[in-house]
Protein backbone atom coordinates (compact mmCIF):
# COMPACT_ATOMS: atom_id res chain seq x y z
CA MET A 1 113.70 88.25 80.26
CA ALA A 2 114.26 90.31 77.13
CA LYS A 3 112.67 89.40 73.83
CA ASP A 4 112.46 91.46 70.66
CA GLY A 5 111.30 94.82 71.95
CA VAL A 6 109.39 93.62 75.03
CA LEU A 7 110.18 93.06 78.69
CA GLN A 8 108.49 89.79 79.63
CA LEU A 9 106.60 89.92 82.96
CA SER A 10 104.99 86.50 82.72
CA GLU A 11 103.90 84.06 80.03
CA THR A 12 100.91 86.28 79.23
CA LEU A 13 102.16 89.79 80.11
CA ALA A 14 104.90 91.86 78.51
CA ILE A 15 105.84 95.55 78.61
CA PRO A 16 106.78 97.09 75.26
CA ARG A 17 110.29 98.55 75.52
CA ALA A 18 108.96 101.75 73.96
CA GLU A 19 107.18 102.41 77.29
CA LEU A 20 110.42 102.16 79.29
CA VAL A 21 112.64 105.19 79.80
CA TYR A 22 116.29 104.63 80.72
CA ARG A 23 118.56 107.29 82.18
CA ALA A 24 122.26 106.81 82.84
CA SER A 25 124.18 108.86 85.39
CA ARG A 26 127.33 108.62 87.44
CA ALA A 27 127.11 106.23 90.34
CA GLY A 28 128.35 107.26 93.75
CA GLY A 29 130.39 105.31 96.25
CA ALA A 30 133.69 103.49 96.06
CA GLY A 31 135.33 102.61 92.78
CA GLY A 32 138.13 105.08 92.25
CA GLN A 33 138.63 106.76 88.91
CA HIS A 34 136.25 104.42 87.10
CA VAL A 35 133.20 105.57 89.06
CA ASN A 36 134.09 109.22 88.52
CA THR A 37 134.23 108.94 84.74
CA SER A 38 131.56 106.37 83.83
CA SER A 39 127.79 106.76 83.75
CA THR A 40 126.94 103.29 85.00
CA ARG A 41 124.00 104.07 87.33
CA ILE A 42 120.72 103.26 85.59
CA GLU A 43 117.36 104.80 86.38
CA LEU A 44 114.46 102.90 84.80
CA LEU A 45 111.11 104.70 84.53
CA TRP A 46 107.76 103.18 83.57
CA ASN A 47 104.40 104.92 83.55
CA VAL A 48 101.86 102.65 85.25
CA ARG A 49 98.86 104.88 84.45
CA ASP A 50 99.48 105.11 80.69
CA THR A 51 100.75 101.59 79.97
CA GLN A 52 99.10 99.42 77.35
CA ALA A 53 100.66 96.25 78.78
CA LEU A 54 98.07 95.91 81.56
CA ASP A 55 94.29 95.92 81.49
CA GLU A 56 92.33 98.37 83.64
CA ALA A 57 91.98 96.05 86.65
CA GLN A 58 95.68 95.12 86.61
CA ARG A 59 96.66 98.77 86.22
CA ALA A 60 94.53 99.74 89.24
CA ARG A 61 95.97 96.87 91.29
CA VAL A 62 99.59 97.79 90.47
CA ALA A 63 98.91 101.50 91.09
CA GLY A 64 97.33 100.67 94.45
CA LYS A 65 100.05 98.28 95.61
CA LEU A 66 102.93 100.49 94.45
CA ALA A 67 101.29 103.85 95.30
CA SER A 68 104.13 104.85 97.62
CA ARG A 69 106.66 104.33 94.80
CA LEU A 70 104.77 106.26 92.11
CA ASP A 71 105.24 109.97 91.47
CA GLY A 72 102.36 112.37 90.77
CA ASP A 73 102.19 111.47 87.09
CA GLY A 74 102.17 107.69 87.69
CA TRP A 75 105.85 106.97 86.91
CA LEU A 76 107.47 104.03 88.69
CA ARG A 77 111.22 104.54 89.20
CA VAL A 78 113.73 101.73 89.69
CA VAL A 79 117.41 102.55 90.21
CA SER A 80 120.40 100.24 89.98
CA SER A 81 124.01 101.19 90.63
CA ALA A 82 125.39 98.04 92.24
CA ARG A 83 127.35 96.81 89.22
CA ARG A 84 130.31 98.31 87.38
CA SER A 85 128.81 98.18 83.90
CA GLN A 86 125.84 100.04 82.51
CA LEU A 87 124.50 96.89 80.83
CA GLN A 88 124.55 94.88 84.07
CA ASN A 89 122.81 97.71 85.93
CA ARG A 90 120.23 97.94 83.17
CA GLU A 91 119.50 94.21 83.45
CA ALA A 92 119.36 94.44 87.25
CA ALA A 93 116.89 97.35 87.05
CA GLU A 94 114.72 95.41 84.60
CA ASP A 95 114.76 92.35 86.87
CA ARG A 96 113.72 94.48 89.85
CA LEU A 97 110.92 96.09 87.83
CA VAL A 98 109.62 92.66 86.78
CA ALA A 99 109.75 91.42 90.39
CA LEU A 100 107.91 94.52 91.68
CA ILE A 101 105.13 94.23 89.13
CA ALA A 102 104.79 90.47 89.56
CA ALA A 103 104.45 90.89 93.33
CA ALA A 104 101.90 93.68 92.88
CA LEU A 105 99.78 91.58 90.50
CA VAL A 106 99.41 88.67 92.93
CA VAL A 107 95.78 88.44 94.03
CA PRO A 108 95.56 87.11 97.59
CA ARG A 109 93.16 84.26 98.17
CA THR A 110 89.98 85.25 99.95
CA ARG A 111 89.59 83.81 103.42
CA LYS A 112 86.84 81.25 103.73
CA ALA A 113 85.12 81.45 107.10
CA THR A 114 84.93 78.11 108.90
CA LYS A 115 83.19 76.88 112.02
CA PRO A 116 84.40 74.28 114.49
CA SER A 117 82.74 70.90 114.05
CA ARG A 118 80.19 69.61 116.53
CA GLY A 119 82.64 67.03 117.79
CA ALA A 120 85.29 69.70 118.36
CA LYS A 121 82.81 71.80 120.35
CA GLU A 122 81.75 68.81 122.45
CA SER A 123 85.33 67.76 123.22
CA ARG A 124 86.23 71.36 124.18
CA LEU A 125 83.28 71.53 126.58
CA ALA A 126 84.08 68.08 127.98
CA GLU A 127 87.68 69.19 128.61
CA LYS A 128 86.45 72.35 130.37
CA LYS A 129 84.08 70.31 132.53
CA LYS A 130 86.87 67.88 133.43
CA ARG A 131 89.19 70.76 134.37
CA GLY A 132 86.45 72.35 136.50
CA ASP A 133 85.83 69.04 138.32
CA THR A 134 89.57 68.72 139.06
CA LYS A 135 89.64 72.21 140.56
CA ARG A 136 86.45 71.53 142.55
CA GLN A 137 87.99 68.39 144.09
CA ARG A 138 91.01 70.40 145.25
CA ARG A 139 88.88 72.84 147.28
CA PRO A 140 88.58 72.24 150.99
CA ASP A 141 85.13 71.10 152.07
CA SER A 142 83.01 73.93 153.36
CA PHE A 143 80.83 73.27 156.44
CA ASP A 144 77.89 75.49 155.61
């Protein structure tokens, strides 16, 4: 994922590492003395609104899809504290950021309206007529 100063999103997109802000803090949970003394939890911040990695349309799409995860200034926050080392948590946070952005950039295909064919309509009506005839034959004869 990592190449000289950029975080690769796809073959054509990459985020400059200068745009990423990393913060390390102490992770909570089990782990004994190690967790109490080491700052292994990584918080990765990236400003979607001010990034130069995306064009205007992509920026709007990511901001719209990830609106619930952005703060008031447009910062996207990804936290990782699952691993015991800061480096592994940093890589995990980067992977999660890449996955989030890749999912947000996916443009869904537009639905193409279709109509049933004439043969399909005719066979549906024929089936309905056949079913109606079957029910009619089951009725007792009326003597009106």
